[in-house]
mmCIF file of all heavy atoms, coordinates in Angstrom:
data_MODEL
# 
_entry.id   MODEL 
# 
loop_
_atom_site.group_PDB 
_atom_site.id 
_atom_site.type_symbol 
_atom_site.label_atom_id 
_atom_site.label_alt_id 
_atom_site.label_comp_id 
_atom_site.label_asym_id 
_atom_site.label_entity_id 
_atom_site.label_seq_id 
_atom_site.pdbx_PDB_ins_code 
_atom_site.Cartn_x 
_atom_site.Cartn_y 
_atom_site.Cartn_z 
_atom_site.occupancy 
_atom_site.B_iso_or_equiv 
_atom_site.pdbx_formal_charge 
_atom_site.auth_seq_id 
_atom_site.auth_comp_id 
_atom_site.auth_asym_id 
_atom_site.auth_atom_id 
_atom_site.pdbx_PDB_model_num 
ATOM 1   N N   . MET A 1 1  ? -5.583  -0.821  -6.712  1.00 0.00 ? 1  MET A N   1 
ATOM 2   C CA  . MET A 1 1  ? -4.981  0.440   -6.314  1.00 0.00 ? 1  MET A CA  1 
ATOM 3   C C   . MET A 1 1  ? -5.843  1.638   -6.708  1.00 0.00 ? 1  MET A C   1 
ATOM 4   O O   . MET A 1 1  ? -5.976  2.602   -5.945  1.00 0.00 ? 1  MET A O   1 
ATOM 5   C CB  . MET A 1 1  ? -3.582  0.563   -6.911  1.00 0.00 ? 1  MET A CB  1 
ATOM 6   C CG  . MET A 1 1  ? -2.616  -0.500  -6.411  1.00 0.00 ? 1  MET A CG  1 
ATOM 7   S SD  . MET A 1 1  ? -2.409  -0.489  -4.611  1.00 0.00 ? 1  MET A SD  1 
ATOM 8   C CE  . MET A 1 1  ? -0.907  0.491   -4.487  1.00 0.00 ? 1  MET A CE  1 
ATOM 9   N N   . ARG A 1 2  ? -6.452  1.581   -7.890  1.00 0.00 ? 2  ARG A N   1 
ATOM 10  C CA  . ARG A 1 2  ? -7.280  2.715   -8.317  1.00 0.00 ? 2  ARG A CA  1 
ATOM 11  C C   . ARG A 1 2  ? -8.576  2.803   -7.511  1.00 0.00 ? 2  ARG A C   1 
ATOM 12  O O   . ARG A 1 2  ? -9.004  3.900   -7.141  1.00 0.00 ? 2  ARG A O   1 
ATOM 13  C CB  . ARG A 1 2  ? -7.579  2.621   -9.814  1.00 0.00 ? 2  ARG A CB  1 
ATOM 14  C CG  . ARG A 1 2  ? -6.391  2.978   -10.688 1.00 0.00 ? 2  ARG A CG  1 
ATOM 15  C CD  . ARG A 1 2  ? -6.793  3.158   -12.147 1.00 0.00 ? 2  ARG A CD  1 
ATOM 16  N NE  . ARG A 1 2  ? -5.687  3.683   -12.929 1.00 0.00 ? 2  ARG A NE  1 
ATOM 17  C CZ  . ARG A 1 2  ? -4.780  2.948   -13.563 1.00 0.00 ? 2  ARG A CZ  1 
ATOM 18  N NH1 . ARG A 1 2  ? -4.863  1.619   -13.515 1.00 0.00 ? 2  ARG A NH1 1 
ATOM 19  N NH2 . ARG A 1 2  ? -3.791  3.507   -14.226 1.00 0.00 ? 2  ARG A NH2 1 
ATOM 20  N N   . SER A 1 3  ? -9.195  1.666   -7.226  1.00 0.00 ? 3  SER A N   1 
ATOM 21  C CA  . SER A 1 3  ? -10.437 1.711   -6.453  1.00 0.00 ? 3  SER A CA  1 
ATOM 22  C C   . SER A 1 3  ? -10.154 2.122   -5.011  1.00 0.00 ? 3  SER A C   1 
ATOM 23  O O   . SER A 1 3  ? -10.958 2.834   -4.397  1.00 0.00 ? 3  SER A O   1 
ATOM 24  C CB  . SER A 1 3  ? -11.189 0.388   -6.522  1.00 0.00 ? 3  SER A CB  1 
ATOM 25  O OG  . SER A 1 3  ? -10.358 -0.700  -6.232  1.00 0.00 ? 3  SER A OG  1 
ATOM 26  N N   . GLY A 1 4  ? -9.019  1.703   -4.459  1.00 0.00 ? 4  GLY A N   1 
ATOM 27  C CA  . GLY A 1 4  ? -8.646  2.167   -3.127  1.00 0.00 ? 4  GLY A CA  1 
ATOM 28  C C   . GLY A 1 4  ? -8.303  3.643   -3.119  1.00 0.00 ? 4  GLY A C   1 
ATOM 29  O O   . GLY A 1 4  ? -8.671  4.392   -2.200  1.00 0.00 ? 4  GLY A O   1 
ATOM 30  N N   . TYR A 1 5  ? -7.602  4.091   -4.160  1.00 0.00 ? 5  TYR A N   1 
ATOM 31  C CA  . TYR A 1 5  ? -7.205  5.502   -4.255  1.00 0.00 ? 5  TYR A CA  1 
ATOM 32  C C   . TYR A 1 5  ? -8.415  6.412   -4.348  1.00 0.00 ? 5  TYR A C   1 
ATOM 33  O O   . TYR A 1 5  ? -8.376  7.562   -3.901  1.00 0.00 ? 5  TYR A O   1 
ATOM 34  C CB  . TYR A 1 5  ? -6.312  5.694   -5.477  1.00 0.00 ? 5  TYR A CB  1 
ATOM 35  C CG  . TYR A 1 5  ? -5.631  7.036   -5.564  1.00 0.00 ? 5  TYR A CG  1 
ATOM 36  C CD1 . TYR A 1 5  ? -4.484  7.312   -4.828  1.00 0.00 ? 5  TYR A CD1 1 
ATOM 37  C CD2 . TYR A 1 5  ? -6.118  8.030   -6.418  1.00 0.00 ? 5  TYR A CD2 1 
ATOM 38  C CE1 . TYR A 1 5  ? -3.840  8.532   -4.920  1.00 0.00 ? 5  TYR A CE1 1 
ATOM 39  C CE2 . TYR A 1 5  ? -5.489  9.263   -6.515  1.00 0.00 ? 5  TYR A CE2 1 
ATOM 40  C CZ  . TYR A 1 5  ? -4.340  9.508   -5.762  1.00 0.00 ? 5  TYR A CZ  1 
ATOM 41  O OH  . TYR A 1 5  ? -3.711  10.726  -5.858  1.00 0.00 ? 5  TYR A OH  1 
ATOM 42  N N   . ALA A 1 6  ? -9.502  5.906   -4.934  1.00 0.00 ? 6  ALA A N   1 
ATOM 43  C CA  . ALA A 1 6  ? -10.726 6.699   -5.022  1.00 0.00 ? 6  ALA A CA  1 
ATOM 44  C C   . ALA A 1 6  ? -11.273 7.027   -3.635  1.00 0.00 ? 6  ALA A C   1 
ATOM 45  O O   . ALA A 1 6  ? -12.012 7.992   -3.464  1.00 0.00 ? 6  ALA A O   1 
ATOM 46  C CB  . ALA A 1 6  ? -11.780 5.962   -5.851  1.00 0.00 ? 6  ALA A CB  1 
ATOM 47  N N   . ARG A 1 7  ? -10.903 6.247   -2.623  1.00 0.00 ? 7  ARG A N   1 
ATOM 48  C CA  . ARG A 1 7  ? -11.287 6.518   -1.238  1.00 0.00 ? 7  ARG A CA  1 
ATOM 49  C C   . ARG A 1 7  ? -10.381 7.570   -0.600  1.00 0.00 ? 7  ARG A C   1 
ATOM 50  O O   . ARG A 1 7  ? -10.755 8.207   0.384   1.00 0.00 ? 7  ARG A O   1 
ATOM 51  C CB  . ARG A 1 7  ? -11.196 5.254   -0.396  1.00 0.00 ? 7  ARG A CB  1 
ATOM 52  C CG  . ARG A 1 7  ? -11.991 4.083   -0.912  1.00 0.00 ? 7  ARG A CG  1 
ATOM 53  C CD  . ARG A 1 7  ? -11.660 2.832   -0.107  1.00 0.00 ? 7  ARG A CD  1 
ATOM 54  N NE  . ARG A 1 7  ? -12.337 1.679   -0.642  1.00 0.00 ? 7  ARG A NE  1 
ATOM 55  C CZ  . ARG A 1 7  ? -13.598 1.355   -0.354  1.00 0.00 ? 7  ARG A CZ  1 
ATOM 56  N NH1 . ARG A 1 7  ? -14.276 2.101   0.483   1.00 0.00 ? 7  ARG A NH1 1 
ATOM 57  N NH2 . ARG A 1 7  ? -14.160 0.310   -0.906  1.00 0.00 ? 7  ARG A NH2 1 
ATOM 58  N N   . GLY A 1 8  ? -9.163  7.669   -1.100  1.00 0.00 ? 8  GLY A N   1 
ATOM 59  C CA  . GLY A 1 8  ? -8.191  8.594   -0.529  1.00 0.00 ? 8  GLY A CA  1 
ATOM 60  C C   . GLY A 1 8  ? -6.783  8.145   -0.851  1.00 0.00 ? 8  GLY A C   1 
ATOM 61  O O   . GLY A 1 8  ? -6.514  6.941   -0.960  1.00 0.00 ? 8  GLY A O   1 
ATOM 62  N N   . ASP A 1 9  ? -5.856  9.093   -0.999  1.00 0.00 ? 9  ASP A N   1 
ATOM 63  C CA  . ASP A 1 9  ? -4.512  8.745   -1.469  1.00 0.00 ? 9  ASP A CA  1 
ATOM 64  C C   . ASP A 1 9  ? -3.706  7.952   -0.455  1.00 0.00 ? 9  ASP A C   1 
ATOM 65  O O   . ASP A 1 9  ? -2.735  7.293   -0.810  1.00 0.00 ? 9  ASP A O   1 
ATOM 66  C CB  . ASP A 1 9  ? -3.743  9.992   -1.917  1.00 0.00 ? 9  ASP A CB  1 
ATOM 67  C CG  . ASP A 1 9  ? -3.532  11.018  -0.799  1.00 0.00 ? 9  ASP A CG  1 
ATOM 68  O OD1 . ASP A 1 9  ? -4.029  10.812  0.329   1.00 0.00 ? 9  ASP A OD1 1 
ATOM 69  O OD2 . ASP A 1 9  ? -2.877  12.046  -1.063  1.00 0.00 ? 9  ASP A OD2 1 
ATOM 70  N N   . ALA A 1 10 ? -4.102  7.979   0.829   1.00 0.00 ? 10 ALA A N   1 
ATOM 71  C CA  . ALA A 1 10 ? -3.352  7.221   1.833   1.00 0.00 ? 10 ALA A CA  1 
ATOM 72  C C   . ALA A 1 10 ? -3.359  5.722   1.542   1.00 0.00 ? 10 ALA A C   1 
ATOM 73  O O   . ALA A 1 10 ? -2.466  4.996   1.979   1.00 0.00 ? 10 ALA A O   1 
ATOM 74  C CB  . ALA A 1 10 ? -3.913  7.486   3.232   1.00 0.00 ? 10 ALA A CB  1 
ATOM 75  N N   . TRP A 1 11 ? -4.355  5.263   0.788   1.00 0.00 ? 11 TRP A N   1 
ATOM 76  C CA  . TRP A 1 11 ? -4.471  3.837   0.469   1.00 0.00 ? 11 TRP A CA  1 
ATOM 77  C C   . TRP A 1 11 ? -3.198  3.296   -0.171  1.00 0.00 ? 11 TRP A C   1 
ATOM 78  O O   . TRP A 1 11 ? -2.682  2.249   0.228   1.00 0.00 ? 11 TRP A O   1 
ATOM 79  C CB  . TRP A 1 11 ? -5.668  3.629   -0.457  1.00 0.00 ? 11 TRP A CB  1 
ATOM 80  C CG  . TRP A 1 11 ? -5.847  2.234   -0.962  1.00 0.00 ? 11 TRP A CG  1 
ATOM 81  C CD1 . TRP A 1 11 ? -5.266  1.672   -2.064  1.00 0.00 ? 11 TRP A CD1 1 
ATOM 82  C CD2 . TRP A 1 11 ? -6.663  1.215   -0.392  1.00 0.00 ? 11 TRP A CD2 1 
ATOM 83  N NE1 . TRP A 1 11 ? -5.669  0.367   -2.218  1.00 0.00 ? 11 TRP A NE1 1 
ATOM 84  C CE2 . TRP A 1 11 ? -6.530  0.060   -1.203  1.00 0.00 ? 11 TRP A CE2 1 
ATOM 85  C CE3 . TRP A 1 11 ? -7.511  1.164   0.721   1.00 0.00 ? 11 TRP A CE3 1 
ATOM 86  C CZ2 . TRP A 1 11 ? -7.205  -1.130  -0.931  1.00 0.00 ? 11 TRP A CZ2 1 
ATOM 87  C CZ3 . TRP A 1 11 ? -8.179  -0.024  0.993   1.00 0.00 ? 11 TRP A CZ3 1 
ATOM 88  C CH2 . TRP A 1 11 ? -8.025  -1.143  0.175   1.00 0.00 ? 11 TRP A CH2 1 
ATOM 89  N N   . VAL A 1 12 ? -2.684  3.996   -1.191  1.00 0.00 ? 12 VAL A N   1 
ATOM 90  C CA  . VAL A 1 12 ? -1.530  3.445   -1.916  1.00 0.00 ? 12 VAL A CA  1 
ATOM 91  C C   . VAL A 1 12 ? -0.291  3.424   -1.032  1.00 0.00 ? 12 VAL A C   1 
ATOM 92  O O   . VAL A 1 12 ? 0.542   2.519   -1.153  1.00 0.00 ? 12 VAL A O   1 
ATOM 93  C CB  . VAL A 1 12 ? -1.263  4.210   -3.231  1.00 0.00 ? 12 VAL A CB  1 
ATOM 94  C CG1 . VAL A 1 12 ? -2.470  4.142   -4.152  1.00 0.00 ? 12 VAL A CG1 1 
ATOM 95  C CG2 . VAL A 1 12 ? -0.849  5.649   -2.988  1.00 0.00 ? 12 VAL A CG2 1 
ATOM 96  N N   . TYR A 1 13 ? -0.148  4.390   -0.133  1.00 0.00 ? 13 TYR A N   1 
ATOM 97  C CA  . TYR A 1 13 ? 1.004   4.403   0.772   1.00 0.00 ? 13 TYR A CA  1 
ATOM 98  C C   . TYR A 1 13 ? 0.938   3.211   1.720   1.00 0.00 ? 13 TYR A C   1 
ATOM 99  O O   . TYR A 1 13 ? 1.963   2.575   2.007   1.00 0.00 ? 13 TYR A O   1 
ATOM 100 C CB  . TYR A 1 13 ? 1.050   5.716   1.555   1.00 0.00 ? 13 TYR A CB  1 
ATOM 101 C CG  . TYR A 1 13 ? 1.376   6.903   0.695   1.00 0.00 ? 13 TYR A CG  1 
ATOM 102 C CD1 . TYR A 1 13 ? 0.380   7.557   -0.035  1.00 0.00 ? 13 TYR A CD1 1 
ATOM 103 C CD2 . TYR A 1 13 ? 2.683   7.372   0.587   1.00 0.00 ? 13 TYR A CD2 1 
ATOM 104 C CE1 . TYR A 1 13 ? 0.667   8.651   -0.836  1.00 0.00 ? 13 TYR A CE1 1 
ATOM 105 C CE2 . TYR A 1 13 ? 2.989   8.464   -0.217  1.00 0.00 ? 13 TYR A CE2 1 
ATOM 106 C CZ  . TYR A 1 13 ? 1.982   9.093   -0.928  1.00 0.00 ? 13 TYR A CZ  1 
ATOM 107 O OH  . TYR A 1 13 ? 2.278   10.163  -1.726  1.00 0.00 ? 13 TYR A OH  1 
ATOM 108 N N   . LEU A 1 14 ? -0.257  2.899   2.213   1.00 0.00 ? 14 LEU A N   1 
ATOM 109 C CA  . LEU A 1 14 ? -0.425  1.777   3.122   1.00 0.00 ? 14 LEU A CA  1 
ATOM 110 C C   . LEU A 1 14 ? -0.121  0.453   2.422   1.00 0.00 ? 14 LEU A C   1 
ATOM 111 O O   . LEU A 1 14 ? 0.634   -0.380  2.941   1.00 0.00 ? 14 LEU A O   1 
ATOM 112 C CB  . LEU A 1 14 ? -1.855  1.765   3.671   1.00 0.00 ? 14 LEU A CB  1 
ATOM 113 C CG  . LEU A 1 14 ? -2.255  0.573   4.537   1.00 0.00 ? 14 LEU A CG  1 
ATOM 114 C CD1 . LEU A 1 14 ? -1.353  0.451   5.762   1.00 0.00 ? 14 LEU A CD1 1 
ATOM 115 C CD2 . LEU A 1 14 ? -3.720  0.685   4.949   1.00 0.00 ? 14 LEU A CD2 1 
ATOM 116 N N   . VAL A 1 15 ? -0.688  0.240   1.246   1.00 0.00 ? 15 VAL A N   1 
ATOM 117 C CA  . VAL A 1 15 ? -0.484  -1.016  0.525   1.00 0.00 ? 15 VAL A CA  1 
ATOM 118 C C   . VAL A 1 15 ? 0.990   -1.215  0.183   1.00 0.00 ? 15 VAL A C   1 
ATOM 119 O O   . VAL A 1 15 ? 1.566   -2.289  0.394   1.00 0.00 ? 15 VAL A O   1 
ATOM 120 C CB  . VAL A 1 15 ? -1.346  -1.059  -0.748  1.00 0.00 ? 15 VAL A CB  1 
ATOM 121 C CG1 . VAL A 1 15 ? -0.970  -2.265  -1.617  1.00 0.00 ? 15 VAL A CG1 1 
ATOM 122 C CG2 . VAL A 1 15 ? -2.831  -1.121  -0.388  1.00 0.00 ? 15 VAL A CG2 1 
ATOM 123 N N   . ILE A 1 16 ? 1.623   -0.177  -0.337  1.00 0.00 ? 16 ILE A N   1 
ATOM 124 C CA  . ILE A 1 16 ? 3.024   -0.293  -0.763  1.00 0.00 ? 16 ILE A CA  1 
ATOM 125 C C   . ILE A 1 16 ? 3.935   -0.510  0.436   1.00 0.00 ? 16 ILE A C   1 
ATOM 126 O O   . ILE A 1 16 ? 4.827   -1.376  0.409   1.00 0.00 ? 16 ILE A O   1 
ATOM 127 C CB  . ILE A 1 16 ? 3.431   0.932   -1.588  1.00 0.00 ? 16 ILE A CB  1 
ATOM 128 C CG1 . ILE A 1 16 ? 2.723   0.873   -2.955  1.00 0.00 ? 16 ILE A CG1 1 
ATOM 129 C CG2 . ILE A 1 16 ? 4.944   1.016   -1.759  1.00 0.00 ? 16 ILE A CG2 1 
ATOM 130 C CD1 . ILE A 1 16 ? 2.876   2.119   -3.803  1.00 0.00 ? 16 ILE A CD1 1 
ATOM 131 N N   . ALA A 1 17 ? 3.733   0.240   1.518   1.00 0.00 ? 17 ALA A N   1 
ATOM 132 C CA  . ALA A 1 17 ? 4.575   0.054   2.699   1.00 0.00 ? 17 ALA A CA  1 
ATOM 133 C C   . ALA A 1 17 ? 4.378   -1.332  3.302   1.00 0.00 ? 17 ALA A C   1 
ATOM 134 O O   . ALA A 1 17 ? 5.325   -1.938  3.812   1.00 0.00 ? 17 ALA A O   1 
ATOM 135 C CB  . ALA A 1 17 ? 4.271   1.140   3.733   1.00 0.00 ? 17 ALA A CB  1 
ATOM 136 N N   . HIS A 1 18 ? 3.147   -1.856  3.245   1.00 0.00 ? 18 HIS A N   1 
ATOM 137 C CA  . HIS A 1 18 ? 2.873   -3.203  3.770   1.00 0.00 ? 18 HIS A CA  1 
ATOM 138 C C   . HIS A 1 18 ? 3.603   -4.264  2.952   1.00 0.00 ? 18 HIS A C   1 
ATOM 139 O O   . HIS A 1 18 ? 4.261   -5.151  3.523   1.00 0.00 ? 18 HIS A O   1 
ATOM 140 C CB  . HIS A 1 18 ? 1.362   -3.455  3.737   1.00 0.00 ? 18 HIS A CB  1 
ATOM 141 C CG  . HIS A 1 18 ? 0.981   -4.853  4.105   1.00 0.00 ? 18 HIS A CG  1 
ATOM 142 N ND1 . HIS A 1 18 ? 0.608   -5.220  5.379   1.00 0.00 ? 18 HIS A ND1 1 
ATOM 143 C CD2 . HIS A 1 18 ? 0.914   -5.986  3.355   1.00 0.00 ? 18 HIS A CD2 1 
ATOM 144 C CE1 . HIS A 1 18 ? 0.336   -6.516  5.404   1.00 0.00 ? 18 HIS A CE1 1 
ATOM 145 N NE2 . HIS A 1 18 ? 0.514   -7.004  4.184   1.00 0.00 ? 18 HIS A NE2 1 
ATOM 146 N N   . GLU A 1 19 ? 3.490   -4.198  1.627   1.00 0.00 ? 19 GLU A N   1 
ATOM 147 C CA  . GLU A 1 19 ? 4.158   -5.213  0.804   1.00 0.00 ? 19 GLU A CA  1 
ATOM 148 C C   . GLU A 1 19 ? 5.672   -5.118  0.922   1.00 0.00 ? 19 GLU A C   1 
ATOM 149 O O   . GLU A 1 19 ? 6.371   -6.134  0.907   1.00 0.00 ? 19 GLU A O   1 
ATOM 150 C CB  . GLU A 1 19 ? 3.713   -5.093  -0.655  1.00 0.00 ? 19 GLU A CB  1 
ATOM 151 C CG  . GLU A 1 19 ? 2.237   -5.380  -0.888  1.00 0.00 ? 19 GLU A CG  1 
ATOM 152 C CD  . GLU A 1 19 ? 1.787   -6.709  -0.306  1.00 0.00 ? 19 GLU A CD  1 
ATOM 153 O OE1 . GLU A 1 19 ? 2.606   -7.648  -0.228  1.00 0.00 ? 19 GLU A OE1 1 
ATOM 154 O OE2 . GLU A 1 19 ? 0.611   -6.805  0.083   1.00 0.00 ? 19 GLU A OE2 1 
ATOM 155 N N   . TRP A 1 20 ? 6.194   -3.908  1.046   1.00 0.00 ? 20 TRP A N   1 
ATOM 156 C CA  . TRP A 1 20 ? 7.638   -3.737  1.267   1.00 0.00 ? 20 TRP A CA  1 
ATOM 157 C C   . TRP A 1 20 ? 8.036   -4.386  2.581   1.00 0.00 ? 20 TRP A C   1 
ATOM 158 O O   . TRP A 1 20 ? 9.137   -4.928  2.718   1.00 0.00 ? 20 TRP A O   1 
ATOM 159 C CB  . TRP A 1 20 ? 7.997   -2.261  1.279   1.00 0.00 ? 20 TRP A CB  1 
ATOM 160 C CG  . TRP A 1 20 ? 9.233   -1.919  0.511   1.00 0.00 ? 20 TRP A CG  1 
ATOM 161 C CD1 . TRP A 1 20 ? 10.540  -2.110  0.898   1.00 0.00 ? 20 TRP A CD1 1 
ATOM 162 C CD2 . TRP A 1 20 ? 9.294   -1.311  -0.789  1.00 0.00 ? 20 TRP A CD2 1 
ATOM 163 N NE1 . TRP A 1 20 ? 11.394  -1.654  -0.066  1.00 0.00 ? 20 TRP A NE1 1 
ATOM 164 C CE2 . TRP A 1 20 ? 10.663  -1.152  -1.120  1.00 0.00 ? 20 TRP A CE2 1 
ATOM 165 C CE3 . TRP A 1 20 ? 8.328   -0.869  -1.694  1.00 0.00 ? 20 TRP A CE3 1 
ATOM 166 C CZ2 . TRP A 1 20 ? 11.086  -0.577  -2.306  1.00 0.00 ? 20 TRP A CZ2 1 
ATOM 167 C CZ3 . TRP A 1 20 ? 8.748   -0.291  -2.881  1.00 0.00 ? 20 TRP A CZ3 1 
ATOM 168 C CH2 . TRP A 1 20 ? 10.114  -0.163  -3.179  1.00 0.00 ? 20 TRP A CH2 1 
ATOM 169 N N   . GLY A 1 21 ? 7.118   -4.355  3.556   1.00 0.00 ? 21 GLY A N   1 
ATOM 170 C CA  . GLY A 1 21 ? 7.389   -5.017  4.825   1.00 0.00 ? 21 GLY A CA  1 
ATOM 171 C C   . GLY A 1 21 ? 7.639   -6.504  4.645   1.00 0.00 ? 21 GLY A C   1 
ATOM 172 O O   . GLY A 1 21 ? 8.493   -7.091  5.326   1.00 0.00 ? 21 GLY A O   1 
ATOM 173 N N   . HIS A 1 22 ? 6.922   -7.133  3.729   1.00 0.00 ? 22 HIS A N   1 
ATOM 174 C CA  . HIS A 1 22 ? 7.169   -8.552  3.449   1.00 0.00 ? 22 HIS A CA  1 
ATOM 175 C C   . HIS A 1 22 ? 8.544   -8.758  2.807   1.00 0.00 ? 22 HIS A C   1 
ATOM 176 O O   . HIS A 1 22 ? 9.217   -9.764  3.064   1.00 0.00 ? 22 HIS A O   1 
ATOM 177 C CB  . HIS A 1 22 ? 6.077   -9.110  2.542   1.00 0.00 ? 22 HIS A CB  1 
ATOM 178 C CG  . HIS A 1 22 ? 4.756   -9.271  3.225   1.00 0.00 ? 22 HIS A CG  1 
ATOM 179 N ND1 . HIS A 1 22 ? 4.604   -9.967  4.406   1.00 0.00 ? 22 HIS A ND1 1 
ATOM 180 C CD2 . HIS A 1 22 ? 3.509   -8.823  2.896   1.00 0.00 ? 22 HIS A CD2 1 
ATOM 181 C CE1 . HIS A 1 22 ? 3.335   -9.954  4.779   1.00 0.00 ? 22 HIS A CE1 1 
ATOM 182 N NE2 . HIS A 1 22 ? 2.649   -9.260  3.875   1.00 0.00 ? 22 HIS A NE2 1 
ATOM 183 N N   . ALA A 1 23 ? 8.959   -7.806  1.966   1.00 0.00 ? 23 ALA A N   1 
ATOM 184 C CA  . ALA A 1 23 ? 10.311  -7.896  1.393   1.00 0.00 ? 23 ALA A CA  1 
ATOM 185 C C   . ALA A 1 23 ? 11.363  -7.789  2.487   1.00 0.00 ? 23 ALA A C   1 
ATOM 186 O O   . ALA A 1 23 ? 12.397  -8.472  2.437   1.00 0.00 ? 23 ALA A O   1 
ATOM 187 C CB  . ALA A 1 23 ? 10.507  -6.797  0.348   1.00 0.00 ? 23 ALA A CB  1 
ATOM 188 N N   . ILE A 1 24 ? 11.107  -6.954  3.477   1.00 0.00 ? 24 ILE A N   1 
ATOM 189 C CA  . ILE A 1 24 ? 12.040  -6.829  4.603   1.00 0.00 ? 24 ILE A CA  1 
ATOM 190 C C   . ILE A 1 24 ? 12.087  -8.138  5.383   1.00 0.00 ? 24 ILE A C   1 
ATOM 191 O O   . ILE A 1 24 ? 13.163  -8.622  5.759   1.00 0.00 ? 24 ILE A O   1 
ATOM 192 C CB  . ILE A 1 24 ? 11.615  -5.660  5.518   1.00 0.00 ? 24 ILE A CB  1 
ATOM 193 C CG1 . ILE A 1 24 ? 11.686  -4.327  4.757   1.00 0.00 ? 24 ILE A CG1 1 
ATOM 194 C CG2 . ILE A 1 24 ? 12.482  -5.621  6.776   1.00 0.00 ? 24 ILE A CG2 1 
ATOM 195 C CD1 . ILE A 1 24 ? 13.033  -4.018  4.145   1.00 0.00 ? 24 ILE A CD1 1 
ATOM 196 N N   . GLN A 1 25 ? 10.923  -8.738  5.630   1.00 0.00 ? 25 GLN A N   1 
ATOM 197 C CA  . GLN A 1 25 ? 10.892  -10.017 6.344   1.00 0.00 ? 25 GLN A CA  1 
ATOM 198 C C   . GLN A 1 25 ? 11.736  -11.071 5.630   1.00 0.00 ? 25 GLN A C   1 
ATOM 199 O O   . GLN A 1 25 ? 12.424  -11.871 6.272   1.00 0.00 ? 25 GLN A O   1 
ATOM 200 C CB  . GLN A 1 25 ? 9.445   -10.510 6.464   1.00 0.00 ? 25 GLN A CB  1 
ATOM 201 C CG  . GLN A 1 25 ? 8.593   -9.690  7.419   1.00 0.00 ? 25 GLN A CG  1 
ATOM 202 C CD  . GLN A 1 25 ? 7.116   -10.047 7.321   1.00 0.00 ? 25 GLN A CD  1 
ATOM 203 O OE1 . GLN A 1 25 ? 6.628   -10.417 6.245   1.00 0.00 ? 25 GLN A OE1 1 
ATOM 204 N NE2 . GLN A 1 25 ? 6.397   -9.924  8.425   1.00 0.00 ? 25 GLN A NE2 1 
ATOM 205 N N   . ALA A 1 26 ? 11.699  -11.069 4.305   1.00 0.00 ? 26 ALA A N   1 
ATOM 206 C CA  . ALA A 1 26 ? 12.454  -12.055 3.527   1.00 0.00 ? 26 ALA A CA  1 
ATOM 207 C C   . ALA A 1 26 ? 13.955  -11.858 3.647   1.00 0.00 ? 26 ALA A C   1 
ATOM 208 O O   . ALA A 1 26 ? 14.726  -12.772 3.330   1.00 0.00 ? 26 ALA A O   1 
ATOM 209 C CB  . ALA A 1 26 ? 12.044  -11.982 2.058   1.00 0.00 ? 26 ALA A CB  1 
# 
């Protein structure tokens, strides 16, 4: 998360929303 965030803050929003998507699938 920190190395991705160094590229830009949108990284953490994408990762978190994606993993939450798997929780929704479950």
